[in-house]
């Protein structure tokens, strides 16, 4: 009699466990890596013009980009995964920016900060021989932040938008 009770209790227990959600859910490895990459962006210390002041303000105590996981600015491109091009890109500076971008390990992302980096800003003229009319001509840009100069809040919003894109896997991070 006790055997029949035990078998009934095991059958009922097995039926109940089908509806219980698992306590530990496993993520695919790529999703886990994307989540870790998104929450630990390491920008390259690279300011060219007046937009660099706003980039510095975004990482200072008032705005504190570190609370979003992007406050550890690196001095070496080999340790950074985010390039924030902040300011006017002269044609003499373009090969240096390209070299720094090529030295960054993959996956890597680029934010163009300010209208000078996006389209040349006030130097957007046909007869201008010294200013690059958009940094996307030399490196692929993920996020554009307009303004002259853009506020630190705009840069923080761009960082949060980039983090969302990295988490969802909708960035161009697979490029080499």
C-alpha atoms as a PDB file:
ATOM      1  CA  UNK A   1       0.000   0.000   0.000  1.00  0.00           C
ATOM      2  CA  UNK A   2       2.814   2.389   0.760  1.00  0.00           C
ATOM      3  CA  UNK A   3       4.365   1.638  -2.664  1.00  0.00           C
ATOM      4  CA  UNK A   4       1.241   2.763  -4.465  1.00  0.00           C
ATOM      5  CA  UNK A   5       1.175   5.991  -2.456  1.00  0.00           C
ATOM      6  CA  UNK A   6       4.807   6.679  -3.291  1.00  0.00           C
ATOM      7  CA  UNK A   7       4.303   6.096  -6.996  1.00  0.00           C
ATOM      8  CA  UNK A   8       1.273   8.369  -7.017  1.00  0.00           C
ATOM      9  CA  UNK A   9       3.163  11.116  -5.226  1.00  0.00           C
ATOM     10  CA  UNK A  10       6.069  10.901  -7.746  1.00  0.00           C
ATOM     11  CA  UNK A  11       3.675  11.086 -10.679  1.00  0.00           C
ATOM     12  CA  UNK A  12       1.930  14.117  -9.214  1.00  0.00           C
ATOM     13  CA  UNK A  13       5.241  15.774  -8.435  1.00  0.00           C
ATOM     14  CA  UNK A  14       6.402  15.223 -12.017  1.00  0.00           C
ATOM     15  CA  UNK A  15       3.240  16.778 -13.377  1.00  0.00           C
ATOM     16  CA  UNK A  16       3.654  19.858 -11.188  1.00  0.00           C
ATOM     17  CA  UNK A  17       7.283  20.512 -12.123  1.00  0.00           C
ATOM     18  CA  UNK A  18       6.392  20.976 -15.792  1.00  0.00           C
ATOM     19  CA  UNK A  19       4.702  24.278 -14.967  1.00  0.00           C
ATOM     20  CA  UNK A  20       7.376  25.661 -12.635  1.00  0.00           C
ATOM     21  CA  UNK A  21       9.726  28.120 -14.382  1.00  0.00           C
ATOM     22  CA  UNK A  22      13.444  27.410 -13.970  1.00  0.00           C
ATOM     23  CA  UNK A  23      15.151  29.326 -11.209  1.00  0.00           C
ATOM     24  CA  UNK A  24      18.334  29.838 -13.213  1.00  0.00           C
ATOM     25  CA  UNK A  25      17.975  30.853 -16.821  1.00  0.00           C
ATOM     26  CA  UNK A  26      20.938  30.492 -19.133  1.00  0.00           C
ATOM     27  CA  UNK A  27      21.745  33.104 -21.763  1.00  0.00           C
ATOM     28  CA  UNK A  28      23.450  32.345 -25.031  1.00  0.00           C
ATOM     29  CA  UNK A  29      27.133  33.242 -24.813  1.00  0.00           C
ATOM     30  CA  UNK A  30      26.832  36.032 -27.380  1.00  0.00           C
ATOM     31  CA  UNK A  31      24.022  37.707 -25.406  1.00  0.00           C
ATOM     32  CA  UNK A  32      26.075  37.501 -22.209  1.00  0.00           C
ATOM     33  CA  UNK A  33      29.101  39.011 -23.957  1.00  0.00           C
ATOM     34  CA  UNK A  34      26.978  41.805 -25.466  1.00  0.00           C
ATOM     35  CA  UNK A  35      25.551  42.587 -22.040  1.00  0.00           C
ATOM     36  CA  UNK A  36      29.033  42.751 -20.512  1.00  0.00           C
ATOM     37  CA  UNK A  37      30.395  44.869 -23.374  1.00  0.00           C
ATOM     38  CA  UNK A  38      27.496  47.308 -23.200  1.00  0.00           C
ATOM     39  CA  UNK A  39      27.923  47.946 -19.491  1.00  0.00           C
ATOM     40  CA  UNK A  40      31.682  48.423 -19.566  1.00  0.00           C
ATOM     41  CA  UNK A  41      32.545  50.766 -22.432  1.00  0.00           C
ATOM     42  CA  UNK A  42      36.071  52.154 -22.325  1.00  0.00           C
ATOM     43  CA  UNK A  43      36.316  55.350 -24.375  1.00  0.00           C
ATOM     44  CA  UNK A  44      39.539  56.547 -25.944  1.00  0.00           C
ATOM     45  CA  UNK A  45      40.852  59.851 -24.589  1.00  0.00           C
ATOM     46  CA  UNK A  46      40.695  61.755 -27.840  1.00  0.00           C
ATOM     47  CA  UNK A  47      39.445  65.344 -27.971  1.00  0.00           C
ATOM     48  CA  UNK A  48      40.272  67.555 -30.914  1.00  0.00           C
ATOM     49  CA  UNK A  49      38.443  70.854 -30.377  1.00  0.00           C
ATOM     50  CA  UNK A  50      35.819  72.583 -28.222  1.00  0.00           C
ATOM     51  CA  UNK A  51      33.546  69.509 -28.070  1.00  0.00           C
ATOM     52  CA  UNK A  52      36.241  67.852 -25.965  1.00  0.00           C
ATOM     53  CA  UNK A  53      35.366  70.252 -23.116  1.00  0.00           C
ATOM     54  CA  UNK A  54      31.806  68.893 -23.152  1.00  0.00           C
ATOM     55  CA  UNK A  55      33.172  65.328 -23.232  1.00  0.00           C
ATOM     56  CA  UNK A  56      35.280  66.112 -20.164  1.00  0.00           C
ATOM     57  CA  UNK A  57      32.253  67.655 -18.447  1.00  0.00           C
ATOM     58  CA  UNK A  58      30.224  64.496 -19.122  1.00  0.00           C
ATOM     59  CA  UNK A  59      32.788  62.427 -17.255  1.00  0.00           C
ATOM     60  CA  UNK A  60      33.182  64.926 -14.392  1.00  0.00           C
ATOM     61  CA  UNK A  61      31.313  64.740 -11.100  1.00  0.00           C
ATOM     62  CA  UNK A  62      28.206  66.671 -12.167  1.00  0.00           C
ATOM     63  CA  UNK A  63      27.183  64.280 -14.952  1.00  0.00           C
ATOM     64  CA  UNK A  64      29.360  61.272 -14.036  1.00  0.00           C
ATOM     65  CA  UNK A  65      29.486  59.031 -17.107  1.00  0.00           C
ATOM     66  CA  UNK A  66      31.070  56.395 -14.880  1.00  0.00           C
ATOM     67  CA  UNK A  67      27.693  55.488 -13.390  1.00  0.00           C
ATOM     68  CA  UNK A  68      26.665  54.330 -16.870  1.00  0.00           C
ATOM     69  CA  UNK A  69      29.785  52.199 -17.279  1.00  0.00           C
ATOM     70  CA  UNK A  70      31.652  54.539 -19.629  1.00  0.00           C
ATOM     71  CA  UNK A  71      33.815  56.638 -17.361  1.00  0.00           C
ATOM     72  CA  UNK A  72      37.159  54.900 -17.595  1.00  0.00           C
ATOM     73  CA  UNK A  73      38.834  56.893 -20.368  1.00  0.00           C
ATOM     74  CA  UNK A  74      41.844  55.071 -21.777  1.00  0.00           C
ATOM     75  CA  UNK A  75      45.002  56.656 -23.130  1.00  0.00           C
ATOM     76  CA  UNK A  76      45.890  53.755 -25.376  1.00  0.00           C
ATOM     77  CA  UNK A  77      43.781  52.658 -28.348  1.00  0.00           C
ATOM     78  CA  UNK A  78      44.691  49.052 -27.581  1.00  0.00           C
ATOM     79  CA  UNK A  79      42.731  49.274 -24.326  1.00  0.00           C
ATOM     80  CA  UNK A  80      39.705  51.210 -25.641  1.00  0.00           C
ATOM     81  CA  UNK A  81      36.601  49.979 -27.435  1.00  0.00           C
ATOM     82  CA  UNK A  82      34.809  53.318 -27.966  1.00  0.00           C
ATOM     83  CA  UNK A  83      36.202  56.269 -29.907  1.00  0.00           C
ATOM     84  CA  UNK A  84      34.452  59.586 -29.311  1.00  0.00           C
ATOM     85  CA  UNK A  85      35.549  61.938 -32.097  1.00  0.00           C
ATOM     86  CA  UNK A  86      34.923  65.306 -30.460  1.00  0.00           C
ATOM     87  CA  UNK A  87      35.610  68.282 -32.687  1.00  0.00           C
ATOM     88  CA  UNK A  88      36.895  69.439 -36.039  1.00  0.00           C
ATOM     89  CA  UNK A  89      38.808  66.840 -38.020  1.00  0.00           C
ATOM     90  CA  UNK A  90      41.489  68.426 -40.204  1.00  0.00           C
ATOM     91  CA  UNK A  91      42.769  66.540 -43.213  1.00  0.00           C
ATOM     92  CA  UNK A  92      46.190  66.268 -41.558  1.00  0.00           C
ATOM     93  CA  UNK A  93      44.532  64.630 -38.536  1.00  0.00           C
ATOM     94  CA  UNK A  94      42.450  62.139 -40.582  1.00  0.00           C
ATOM     95  CA  UNK A  95      45.190  59.497 -41.064  1.00  0.00           C
ATOM     96  CA  UNK A  96      45.984  59.631 -37.348  1.00  0.00           C
ATOM     97  CA  UNK A  97      42.328  59.053 -36.441  1.00  0.00           C
ATOM     98  CA  UNK A  98      42.210  56.140 -38.889  1.00  0.00           C
ATOM     99  CA  UNK A  99      45.401  54.662 -37.402  1.00  0.00           C
ATOM    100  CA  UNK A 100      44.046  54.944 -33.856  1.00  0.00           C
ATOM    101  CA  UNK A 101      40.785  53.322 -34.956  1.00  0.00           C
ATOM    102  CA  UNK A 102      42.686  50.469 -36.618  1.00  0.00           C
ATOM    103  CA  UNK A 103      44.690  49.889 -33.421  1.00  0.00           C
ATOM    104  CA  UNK A 104      41.545  49.441 -31.312  1.00  0.00           C
ATOM    105  CA  UNK A 105      40.565  45.811 -30.680  1.00  0.00           C
ATOM    106  CA  UNK A 106      37.289  44.490 -32.078  1.00  0.00           C
ATOM    107  CA  UNK A 107      34.456  44.982 -31.350  1.00  0.00           C
ATOM    108  CA  UNK A 108      34.767  48.749 -31.451  1.00  0.00           C
ATOM    109  CA  UNK A 109      32.348  51.634 -31.722  1.00  0.00           C
ATOM    110  CA  UNK A 110      32.522  55.301 -32.748  1.00  0.00           C
ATOM    111  CA  UNK A 111      30.521  58.330 -31.598  1.00  0.00           C
ATOM    112  CA  UNK A 112      30.797  61.522 -33.681  1.00  0.00           C
ATOM    113  CA  UNK A 113      30.356  64.367 -31.181  1.00  0.00           C
ATOM    114  CA  UNK A 114      29.404  67.789 -32.530  1.00  0.00           C
ATOM    115  CA  UNK A 115      28.569  69.214 -35.907  1.00  0.00           C
ATOM    116  CA  UNK A 116      32.238  69.646 -36.835  1.00  0.00           C
ATOM    117  CA  UNK A 117      32.824  65.896 -36.548  1.00  0.00           C
ATOM    118  CA  UNK A 118      29.547  65.098 -38.312  1.00  0.00           C
ATOM    119  CA  UNK A 119      29.695  67.431 -41.313  1.00  0.00           C
ATOM    120  CA  UNK A 120      32.459  69.998 -40.867  1.00  0.00           C
ATOM    121  CA  UNK A 121      30.333  72.434 -38.842  1.00  0.00           C
ATOM    122  CA  UNK A 122      30.935  76.094 -39.686  1.00  0.00           C
ATOM    123  CA  UNK A 123      33.783  74.940 -41.918  1.00  0.00           C
ATOM    124  CA  UNK A 124      31.318  73.156 -44.240  1.00  0.00           C
ATOM    125  CA  UNK A 125      32.222  75.066 -47.378  1.00  0.00           C
ATOM    126  CA  UNK A 126      33.069  73.983 -50.895  1.00  0.00           C
ATOM    127  CA  UNK A 127      36.328  75.897 -50.982  1.00  0.00           C
ATOM    128  CA  UNK A 128      37.578  74.642 -47.604  1.00  0.00           C
ATOM    129  CA  UNK A 129      40.715  72.635 -48.234  1.00  0.00           C
ATOM    130  CA  UNK A 130      41.697  71.801 -44.652  1.00  0.00           C
ATOM    131  CA  UNK A 131      38.644  70.316 -42.868  1.00  0.00           C
ATOM    132  CA  UNK A 132      37.220  66.838 -43.370  1.00  0.00           C
ATOM    133  CA  UNK A 133      33.494  67.078 -44.085  1.00  0.00           C
ATOM    134  CA  UNK A 134      32.419  64.233 -41.806  1.00  0.00           C
ATOM    135  CA  UNK A 135      34.415  61.675 -39.867  1.00  0.00           C
ATOM    136  CA  UNK A 136      32.328  58.821 -41.332  1.00  0.00           C
ATOM    137  CA  UNK A 137      34.449  59.174 -44.476  1.00  0.00           C
ATOM    138  CA  UNK A 138      37.404  57.599 -42.664  1.00  0.00           C
ATOM    139  CA  UNK A 139      35.850  55.477 -39.872  1.00  0.00           C
ATOM    140  CA  UNK A 140      32.368  53.929 -39.559  1.00  0.00           C
ATOM    141  CA  UNK A 141      30.261  55.916 -37.090  1.00  0.00           C
ATOM    142  CA  UNK A 142      27.618  54.272 -34.894  1.00  0.00           C
ATOM    143  CA  UNK A 143      26.070  57.328 -33.180  1.00  0.00           C
ATOM    144  CA  UNK A 144      25.933  60.970 -34.308  1.00  0.00           C
ATOM    145  CA  UNK A 145      25.502  63.651 -31.618  1.00  0.00           C
ATOM    146  CA  UNK A 146      24.549  67.002 -33.206  1.00  0.00           C
ATOM    147  CA  UNK A 147      25.181  70.387 -31.649  1.00  0.00           C
ATOM    148  CA  UNK A 148      27.791  73.107 -31.524  1.00  0.00           C
ATOM    149  CA  UNK A 149      28.957  72.071 -28.977  1.00  0.00           C
ATOM    150  CA  UNK A 150      26.514  69.434 -27.774  1.00  0.00           C
ATOM    151  CA  UNK A 151      25.647  69.377 -24.088  1.00  0.00           C
ATOM    152  CA  UNK A 152      27.072  66.674 -21.807  1.00  0.00           C
ATOM    153  CA  UNK A 153      23.541  65.268 -21.480  1.00  0.00           C
ATOM    154  CA  UNK A 154      23.525  64.637 -25.232  1.00  0.00           C
ATOM    155  CA  UNK A 155      26.725  62.620 -24.964  1.00  0.00           C
ATOM    156  CA  UNK A 156      25.312  60.615 -22.065  1.00  0.00           C
ATOM    157  CA  UNK A 157      22.170  59.961 -24.114  1.00  0.00           C
ATOM    158  CA  UNK A 158      24.350  58.771 -27.004  1.00  0.00           C
ATOM    159  CA  UNK A 159      26.245  56.420 -24.685  1.00  0.00           C
ATOM    160  CA  UNK A 160      22.967  54.990 -23.374  1.00  0.00           C
ATOM    161  CA  UNK A 161      21.679  54.578 -26.946  1.00  0.00           C
ATOM    162  CA  UNK A 162      24.895  52.793 -27.940  1.00  0.00           C
ATOM    163  CA  UNK A 163      24.555  50.499 -24.927  1.00  0.00           C
ATOM    164  CA  UNK A 164      21.015  49.580 -25.991  1.00  0.00           C
ATOM    165  CA  UNK A 165      22.219  48.854 -29.520  1.00  0.00           C
ATOM    166  CA  UNK A 166      25.047  46.681 -28.227  1.00  0.00           C
ATOM    167  CA  UNK A 167      22.680  44.739 -25.946  1.00  0.00           C
ATOM    168  CA  UNK A 168      20.265  44.099 -28.797  1.00  0.00           C
ATOM    169  CA  UNK A 169      23.093  43.203 -31.191  1.00  0.00           C
ATOM    170  CA  UNK A 170      22.108  45.852 -33.740  1.00  0.00           C
ATOM    171  CA  UNK A 171      25.468  47.622 -34.070  1.00  0.00           C
ATOM    172  CA  UNK A 172      28.183  47.299 -36.655  1.00  0.00           C
ATOM    173  CA  UNK A 173      30.523  45.749 -34.092  1.00  0.00           C
ATOM    174  CA  UNK A 174      31.314  42.766 -36.283  1.00  0.00           C
ATOM    175  CA  UNK A 175      33.418  44.903 -38.586  1.00  0.00           C
ATOM    176  CA  UNK A 176      37.142  44.378 -38.368  1.00  0.00           C
END
